[in-house]
N, C-alpha and C. Protein backbone atom coordinates (compact mmCIF):
# COMPACT_ATOMS: atom_id res chain seq x y z
N GLU A 1 0.86 -1.18 0.00
CA GLU A 1 0.00 0.00 0.00
C GLU A 1 0.89 1.23 0.00
N ALA A 2 0.63 2.16 -0.90
CA ALA A 2 1.43 3.38 -0.99
C ALA A 2 1.00 4.35 0.08
N LYS A 3 1.97 5.11 0.60
CA LYS A 3 1.67 6.09 1.65
C LYS A 3 1.89 7.48 1.08
N ALA A 4 1.01 8.41 1.45
CA ALA A 4 1.13 9.78 0.99
C ALA A 4 2.40 10.39 1.57
N MET A 5 3.05 11.24 0.80
CA MET A 5 4.26 11.92 1.25
C MET A 5 3.88 12.93 2.33
N PRO A 6 4.69 13.01 3.40
CA PRO A 6 4.39 13.99 4.45
C PRO A 6 4.52 15.41 3.92
N ASN A 7 3.70 16.28 4.43
CA ASN A 7 3.75 17.69 4.05
C ASN A 7 4.84 18.34 4.88
N GLU A 8 5.81 18.98 4.22
CA GLU A 8 6.95 19.56 4.92
C GLU A 8 6.58 20.79 5.73
N SER A 9 5.40 21.37 5.50
CA SER A 9 5.02 22.58 6.23
C SER A 9 4.42 22.28 7.59
N VAL A 10 4.21 21.00 7.91
CA VAL A 10 3.67 20.64 9.22
C VAL A 10 4.72 19.86 9.98
N GLY A 11 4.69 19.93 11.30
CA GLY A 11 5.63 19.22 12.14
C GLY A 11 5.25 17.76 12.27
N ALA A 12 6.11 17.00 12.95
CA ALA A 12 5.91 15.56 13.11
C ALA A 12 4.61 15.25 13.85
N ALA A 13 4.33 16.02 14.90
CA ALA A 13 3.11 15.77 15.68
C ALA A 13 1.87 16.03 14.83
N GLU A 14 1.90 17.13 14.08
CA GLU A 14 0.76 17.44 13.22
C GLU A 14 0.60 16.39 12.13
N GLN A 15 1.74 15.92 11.58
CA GLN A 15 1.69 14.90 10.54
C GLN A 15 1.09 13.61 11.10
N ALA A 16 1.47 13.24 12.32
CA ALA A 16 0.92 12.04 12.94
C ALA A 16 -0.59 12.18 13.12
N MET A 17 -1.04 13.38 13.52
CA MET A 17 -2.47 13.61 13.68
C MET A 17 -3.19 13.50 12.34
N LEU A 18 -2.57 14.08 11.30
CA LEU A 18 -3.17 14.01 9.97
C LEU A 18 -3.25 12.56 9.49
N ASP A 19 -2.18 11.78 9.75
CA ASP A 19 -2.18 10.38 9.36
C ASP A 19 -3.29 9.61 10.09
N GLU A 20 -3.47 9.89 11.39
CA GLU A 20 -4.52 9.24 12.17
C GLU A 20 -5.90 9.60 11.64
N LEU A 21 -6.09 10.88 11.29
CA LEU A 21 -7.37 11.30 10.73
C LEU A 21 -7.64 10.60 9.40
N GLU A 22 -6.61 10.47 8.57
CA GLU A 22 -6.80 9.77 7.29
C GLU A 22 -7.23 8.33 7.53
N LYS A 23 -6.59 7.68 8.53
CA LYS A 23 -6.97 6.30 8.85
C LYS A 23 -8.41 6.25 9.37
N LYS A 24 -8.73 7.19 10.27
CA LYS A 24 -10.05 7.20 10.89
C LYS A 24 -11.16 7.36 9.86
N TYR A 25 -10.94 8.23 8.91
CA TYR A 25 -11.97 8.48 7.90
C TYR A 25 -11.72 7.71 6.62
N ASP A 26 -10.78 6.76 6.68
CA ASP A 26 -10.50 5.86 5.57
C ASP A 26 -10.19 6.60 4.28
N LYS A 27 -9.39 7.62 4.39
CA LYS A 27 -8.96 8.34 3.20
C LYS A 27 -7.59 7.80 2.81
N GLY A 28 -7.53 7.18 1.68
CA GLY A 28 -6.28 6.61 1.22
C GLY A 28 -5.40 7.65 0.56
N PRO A 29 -4.26 7.21 0.02
CA PRO A 29 -3.33 8.13 -0.63
C PRO A 29 -3.95 8.86 -1.81
N GLU A 30 -4.91 8.20 -2.47
CA GLU A 30 -5.54 8.88 -3.61
C GLU A 30 -6.32 10.12 -3.16
N ALA A 31 -6.93 10.07 -1.98
CA ALA A 31 -7.67 11.22 -1.49
C ALA A 31 -6.72 12.33 -1.08
N SER A 32 -5.60 11.96 -0.44
CA SER A 32 -4.70 13.00 0.03
C SER A 32 -3.83 13.56 -1.09
N SER A 33 -3.68 12.81 -2.18
CA SER A 33 -2.85 13.33 -3.26
C SER A 33 -3.62 14.31 -4.14
N THR A 34 -4.95 14.25 -4.10
CA THR A 34 -5.72 15.17 -4.93
C THR A 34 -5.92 16.51 -4.27
N LYS A 35 -5.75 16.55 -2.97
CA LYS A 35 -5.89 17.80 -2.24
C LYS A 35 -4.58 18.11 -1.54
N SER A 36 -4.11 19.32 -1.68
CA SER A 36 -2.91 19.68 -0.94
C SER A 36 -3.32 20.15 0.45
N ARG A 37 -2.53 19.77 1.41
CA ARG A 37 -2.83 20.19 2.78
C ARG A 37 -2.32 21.60 2.98
N SER A 38 -3.16 22.43 3.53
CA SER A 38 -2.73 23.79 3.84
C SER A 38 -2.96 24.02 5.32
N SER A 39 -2.46 25.13 5.80
CA SER A 39 -2.61 25.42 7.23
C SER A 39 -4.08 25.58 7.60
N SER A 40 -4.94 25.88 6.64
CA SER A 40 -6.35 26.06 6.96
C SER A 40 -7.08 24.73 7.14
N SER A 41 -6.44 23.62 6.76
CA SER A 41 -7.11 22.33 6.91
C SER A 41 -6.52 21.52 8.05
N GLN A 42 -5.94 22.18 9.04
CA GLN A 42 -5.41 21.47 10.19
C GLN A 42 -6.56 20.88 10.99
N PRO A 43 -6.28 19.79 11.69
CA PRO A 43 -7.34 19.19 12.49
C PRO A 43 -7.85 20.15 13.55
N THR A 44 -9.12 19.98 13.89
CA THR A 44 -9.73 20.87 14.88
C THR A 44 -9.62 20.31 16.28
N THR A 45 -8.69 19.38 16.50
CA THR A 45 -8.53 18.76 17.81
C THR A 45 -7.50 19.47 18.66
N ARG A 46 -7.04 20.62 18.24
CA ARG A 46 -6.06 21.35 19.05
C ARG A 46 -6.74 21.87 20.32
N PRO A 47 -5.94 22.06 21.38
CA PRO A 47 -6.54 22.52 22.64
C PRO A 47 -7.19 23.88 22.48
N LYS A 48 -8.31 24.07 23.17
CA LYS A 48 -9.03 25.33 23.10
C LYS A 48 -8.26 26.40 23.85
N ALA A 49 -8.17 27.58 23.26
CA ALA A 49 -7.49 28.69 23.93
C ALA A 49 -8.32 29.14 25.11
N THR A 50 -7.63 29.52 26.16
CA THR A 50 -8.32 30.02 27.35
C THR A 50 -8.05 31.50 27.48
N ALA A 51 -8.73 32.12 28.41
CA ALA A 51 -8.53 33.55 28.64
C ALA A 51 -7.08 33.85 28.99
N GLU A 52 -6.41 32.89 29.62
CA GLU A 52 -5.02 33.10 30.01
C GLU A 52 -4.06 32.94 28.84
N THR A 53 -4.45 32.18 27.81
CA THR A 53 -3.53 31.92 26.71
C THR A 53 -3.80 32.75 25.46
N GLN A 54 -4.95 33.38 25.38
CA GLN A 54 -5.26 34.21 24.22
C GLN A 54 -4.57 35.55 24.35
N SER A 55 -4.22 36.14 23.21
CA SER A 55 -3.61 37.46 23.28
C SER A 55 -4.70 38.52 23.13
N GLY A 56 -4.41 39.69 23.66
CA GLY A 56 -5.39 40.76 23.62
C GLY A 56 -6.36 40.65 24.78
N LEU A 57 -7.38 41.47 24.73
CA LEU A 57 -8.37 41.54 25.81
C LEU A 57 -9.35 40.38 25.73
N VAL A 58 -9.53 39.68 26.86
CA VAL A 58 -10.51 38.61 26.99
C VAL A 58 -11.32 38.88 28.25
N LEU A 59 -12.61 39.10 28.09
CA LEU A 59 -13.48 39.38 29.23
C LEU A 59 -14.40 38.19 29.49
N THR A 60 -14.58 37.87 30.76
CA THR A 60 -15.55 36.86 31.15
C THR A 60 -16.70 37.60 31.82
N PHE A 61 -17.89 37.38 31.29
CA PHE A 61 -19.07 38.06 31.79
C PHE A 61 -19.96 37.09 32.55
N GLY A 62 -20.59 37.60 33.61
CA GLY A 62 -21.66 36.88 34.27
C GLY A 62 -22.96 37.34 33.64
N LEU A 63 -23.77 36.40 33.20
CA LEU A 63 -25.02 36.73 32.52
C LEU A 63 -26.20 36.65 33.48
N PRO A 64 -27.31 37.26 33.11
CA PRO A 64 -28.49 37.27 33.99
C PRO A 64 -28.98 35.87 34.39
N ASP A 65 -28.72 34.86 33.55
CA ASP A 65 -29.17 33.49 33.88
C ASP A 65 -28.14 32.73 34.72
N ASN A 66 -27.15 33.46 35.26
CA ASN A 66 -26.08 32.91 36.10
C ASN A 66 -25.06 32.08 35.34
N SER A 67 -25.10 32.10 34.01
CA SER A 67 -24.06 31.44 33.22
C SER A 67 -22.93 32.44 32.98
N GLU A 68 -21.86 31.96 32.38
CA GLU A 68 -20.74 32.83 32.04
C GLU A 68 -20.54 32.84 30.53
N GLN A 69 -20.06 33.96 30.02
CA GLN A 69 -19.76 34.09 28.60
C GLN A 69 -18.37 34.71 28.48
N VAL A 70 -17.47 34.03 27.77
CA VAL A 70 -16.12 34.54 27.53
C VAL A 70 -16.12 35.20 26.16
N VAL A 71 -15.63 36.45 26.11
CA VAL A 71 -15.57 37.20 24.85
C VAL A 71 -14.13 37.63 24.63
N ALA A 72 -13.56 37.19 23.52
CA ALA A 72 -12.18 37.56 23.16
C ALA A 72 -12.21 38.70 22.16
N PHE A 73 -11.61 39.80 22.53
CA PHE A 73 -11.51 40.96 21.64
C PHE A 73 -10.34 40.79 20.67
N GLY A 74 -9.48 39.82 20.93
CA GLY A 74 -8.34 39.58 20.05
C GLY A 74 -7.44 40.80 19.98
N GLN A 75 -7.05 41.16 18.80
CA GLN A 75 -6.13 42.28 18.61
C GLN A 75 -6.85 43.60 18.36
N ARG A 76 -8.15 43.63 18.61
CA ARG A 76 -8.89 44.88 18.44
C ARG A 76 -8.36 45.92 19.42
N LYS A 77 -8.25 47.13 18.95
CA LYS A 77 -7.72 48.22 19.78
C LYS A 77 -8.86 49.09 20.30
N PRO A 78 -8.64 49.72 21.47
CA PRO A 78 -9.65 50.62 22.03
C PRO A 78 -9.93 51.77 21.07
N PRO A 79 -11.12 52.36 21.18
CA PRO A 79 -12.17 52.08 22.16
C PRO A 79 -12.95 50.82 21.81
N MET A 80 -13.39 50.10 22.83
CA MET A 80 -14.11 48.85 22.64
C MET A 80 -15.60 49.08 22.44
N GLY A 81 -16.09 50.26 22.83
CA GLY A 81 -17.48 50.60 22.55
C GLY A 81 -18.47 50.19 23.61
N MET A 82 -17.99 50.08 24.84
CA MET A 82 -18.92 49.73 25.92
C MET A 82 -18.56 50.55 27.15
N ASP A 83 -19.58 50.92 27.89
CA ASP A 83 -19.39 51.61 29.15
C ASP A 83 -19.85 50.68 30.25
N PHE A 84 -19.23 50.83 31.42
CA PHE A 84 -19.69 50.04 32.55
C PHE A 84 -19.74 50.91 33.78
N THR A 85 -20.61 50.50 34.68
CA THR A 85 -20.77 51.23 35.95
C THR A 85 -20.47 50.29 37.09
N LYS A 86 -20.12 50.89 38.18
CA LYS A 86 -19.88 50.11 39.39
C LYS A 86 -20.25 50.98 40.56
N SER A 87 -21.31 50.62 41.21
CA SER A 87 -21.74 51.38 42.39
C SER A 87 -20.98 50.86 43.61
N ASN A 88 -21.00 51.61 44.66
CA ASN A 88 -20.33 51.18 45.90
C ASN A 88 -20.94 49.91 46.46
N GLU A 89 -22.24 49.69 46.21
CA GLU A 89 -22.90 48.51 46.73
C GLU A 89 -22.60 47.26 45.90
N SER A 90 -22.22 47.45 44.65
CA SER A 90 -22.00 46.32 43.74
C SER A 90 -20.57 45.78 43.87
N THR A 91 -20.44 44.46 43.73
CA THR A 91 -19.11 43.86 43.75
C THR A 91 -18.55 43.67 42.34
N VAL A 92 -19.37 43.94 41.32
CA VAL A 92 -18.93 43.76 39.93
C VAL A 92 -19.26 44.99 39.09
N ALA A 93 -18.50 45.13 38.00
CA ALA A 93 -18.79 46.18 37.02
C ALA A 93 -19.86 45.66 36.07
N ILE A 94 -20.84 46.49 35.76
CA ILE A 94 -21.98 46.09 34.93
C ILE A 94 -21.99 46.92 33.66
N ILE A 95 -22.15 46.25 32.51
CA ILE A 95 -22.21 46.95 31.23
C ILE A 95 -23.46 47.83 31.22
N SER A 96 -23.24 49.13 30.97
CA SER A 96 -24.36 50.07 31.00
C SER A 96 -24.71 50.63 29.63
N ARG A 97 -23.77 50.53 28.67
CA ARG A 97 -24.06 51.06 27.33
C ARG A 97 -23.16 50.36 26.31
N ILE A 98 -23.74 50.09 25.14
CA ILE A 98 -23.00 49.54 24.01
C ILE A 98 -23.16 50.53 22.86
N ARG A 99 -22.05 50.98 22.33
CA ARG A 99 -22.11 51.94 21.22
C ARG A 99 -22.38 51.21 19.90
N PRO A 100 -23.31 51.74 19.10
CA PRO A 100 -23.62 51.12 17.80
C PRO A 100 -22.37 51.06 16.91
N GLY A 101 -22.18 49.93 16.25
CA GLY A 101 -21.07 49.75 15.33
C GLY A 101 -19.73 49.49 16.01
N SER A 102 -19.74 49.31 17.32
CA SER A 102 -18.49 49.14 18.07
C SER A 102 -18.05 47.68 18.09
N HIS A 103 -16.82 47.47 18.59
CA HIS A 103 -16.33 46.11 18.79
C HIS A 103 -17.26 45.34 19.72
N ALA A 104 -17.69 45.99 20.79
CA ALA A 104 -18.57 45.32 21.77
C ALA A 104 -19.87 44.86 21.11
N GLU A 105 -20.46 45.72 20.29
CA GLU A 105 -21.70 45.33 19.60
C GLU A 105 -21.43 44.18 18.64
N GLU A 106 -20.35 44.29 17.89
CA GLU A 106 -19.97 43.26 16.92
C GLU A 106 -19.79 41.90 17.60
N LEU A 107 -19.28 41.90 18.83
CA LEU A 107 -19.02 40.65 19.55
C LEU A 107 -20.21 40.17 20.37
N GLY A 108 -21.32 40.94 20.35
CA GLY A 108 -22.55 40.49 20.98
C GLY A 108 -22.68 40.77 22.46
N ILE A 109 -21.87 41.65 22.99
CA ILE A 109 -21.96 41.99 24.41
C ILE A 109 -23.27 42.74 24.66
N GLN A 110 -23.88 42.48 25.80
CA GLN A 110 -25.20 43.03 26.11
C GLN A 110 -25.17 43.89 27.38
N ILE A 111 -26.03 44.90 27.40
CA ILE A 111 -26.22 45.73 28.59
C ILE A 111 -26.70 44.82 29.73
N GLY A 112 -26.16 45.04 30.91
CA GLY A 112 -26.54 44.24 32.07
C GLY A 112 -25.57 43.11 32.38
N TRP A 113 -24.70 42.76 31.42
CA TRP A 113 -23.72 41.72 31.68
C TRP A 113 -22.73 42.24 32.71
N GLU A 114 -22.26 41.37 33.57
CA GLU A 114 -21.31 41.72 34.63
C GLU A 114 -19.91 41.27 34.24
N ILE A 115 -18.93 42.17 34.37
CA ILE A 115 -17.54 41.81 34.08
C ILE A 115 -16.99 41.10 35.32
N ILE A 116 -16.75 39.79 35.20
CA ILE A 116 -16.26 39.04 36.36
C ILE A 116 -14.78 38.68 36.25
N LYS A 117 -14.24 38.65 35.01
CA LYS A 117 -12.81 38.38 34.84
C LYS A 117 -12.27 39.19 33.67
N VAL A 118 -11.03 39.60 33.81
CA VAL A 118 -10.29 40.26 32.73
C VAL A 118 -9.05 39.42 32.49
N ASN A 119 -8.96 38.82 31.31
CA ASN A 119 -7.86 37.91 30.97
C ASN A 119 -7.61 36.87 32.06
N GLY A 120 -8.69 36.30 32.57
CA GLY A 120 -8.58 35.22 33.54
C GLY A 120 -8.42 35.66 34.97
N GLN A 121 -8.20 36.95 35.22
CA GLN A 121 -8.04 37.45 36.58
C GLN A 121 -9.37 38.02 37.06
N SER A 122 -9.72 37.69 38.29
CA SER A 122 -11.00 38.14 38.83
C SER A 122 -11.10 39.66 38.88
N ALA A 123 -12.26 40.17 38.46
CA ALA A 123 -12.56 41.59 38.55
C ALA A 123 -13.58 41.85 39.65
N VAL A 124 -14.02 40.79 40.32
CA VAL A 124 -15.01 40.91 41.38
C VAL A 124 -14.38 41.63 42.57
N GLY A 125 -15.09 42.65 43.07
CA GLY A 125 -14.62 43.40 44.22
C GLY A 125 -13.64 44.51 43.88
N LYS A 126 -13.26 44.63 42.62
CA LYS A 126 -12.34 45.68 42.19
C LYS A 126 -13.11 46.97 41.93
N SER A 127 -12.42 48.09 42.09
CA SER A 127 -13.04 49.38 41.81
C SER A 127 -13.18 49.58 40.31
N HIS A 128 -14.00 50.55 39.92
CA HIS A 128 -14.17 50.92 38.51
C HIS A 128 -12.80 51.17 37.88
N GLU A 129 -11.97 51.94 38.57
CA GLU A 129 -10.64 52.30 38.05
C GLU A 129 -9.75 51.07 37.90
N GLU A 130 -9.81 50.14 38.86
CA GLU A 130 -9.00 48.92 38.78
C GLU A 130 -9.41 48.07 37.59
N VAL A 131 -10.72 47.92 37.36
CA VAL A 131 -11.20 47.13 36.23
C VAL A 131 -10.77 47.79 34.92
N LEU A 132 -10.91 49.10 34.84
CA LEU A 132 -10.49 49.84 33.64
C LEU A 132 -9.00 49.66 33.41
N PHE A 133 -8.19 49.74 34.46
CA PHE A 133 -6.75 49.56 34.34
C PHE A 133 -6.42 48.15 33.85
N MET A 134 -7.11 47.14 34.39
CA MET A 134 -6.89 45.75 33.95
C MET A 134 -7.19 45.60 32.46
N MET A 135 -8.28 46.22 32.01
CA MET A 135 -8.66 46.14 30.60
C MET A 135 -7.63 46.85 29.72
N LYS A 136 -7.19 48.03 30.13
CA LYS A 136 -6.20 48.76 29.34
C LYS A 136 -4.89 48.00 29.27
N ALA A 137 -4.48 47.39 30.38
CA ALA A 137 -3.25 46.61 30.40
C ALA A 137 -3.35 45.41 29.44
N ALA A 138 -4.50 44.78 29.39
CA ALA A 138 -4.70 43.62 28.52
C ALA A 138 -4.65 44.03 27.04
N CYS A 139 -5.08 45.24 26.74
CA CYS A 139 -5.09 45.72 25.36
C CYS A 139 -3.68 46.08 24.87
N SER A 140 -2.79 46.35 25.81
CA SER A 140 -1.46 46.80 25.41
C SER A 140 -0.47 45.66 25.29
N VAL A 141 -0.92 44.41 25.51
CA VAL A 141 0.00 43.27 25.41
C VAL A 141 0.13 42.84 23.98
């Protein structure tokens, strides 16, 4: 049985994963020789990025239904298009306004969501200024 030539643009680990996928889906050398492998066709089994491993600003929100939503701003630069308030009685910053056409609107952030983490670090109990500083620091990395 003929074996497809390894793609030199992928490492040994990636090649092994590709070979396993070919075996799993019973794609022989004829299938792999008709399509060239590109970086866009890498397996989707890579580990999921977390707030701590992603670059740029990553906010974790507490939602009204008590679930959490992680939103990665990626390399988007400020302004992000959202305002938040924090009263003395509140332990979290709450989104109070989303500007039309902004990054925040584009990413689906909603008024009333609570900012509970900034890049994996807790924002609970922090002052408005501390949360803003954490967000600005995350944008400058």
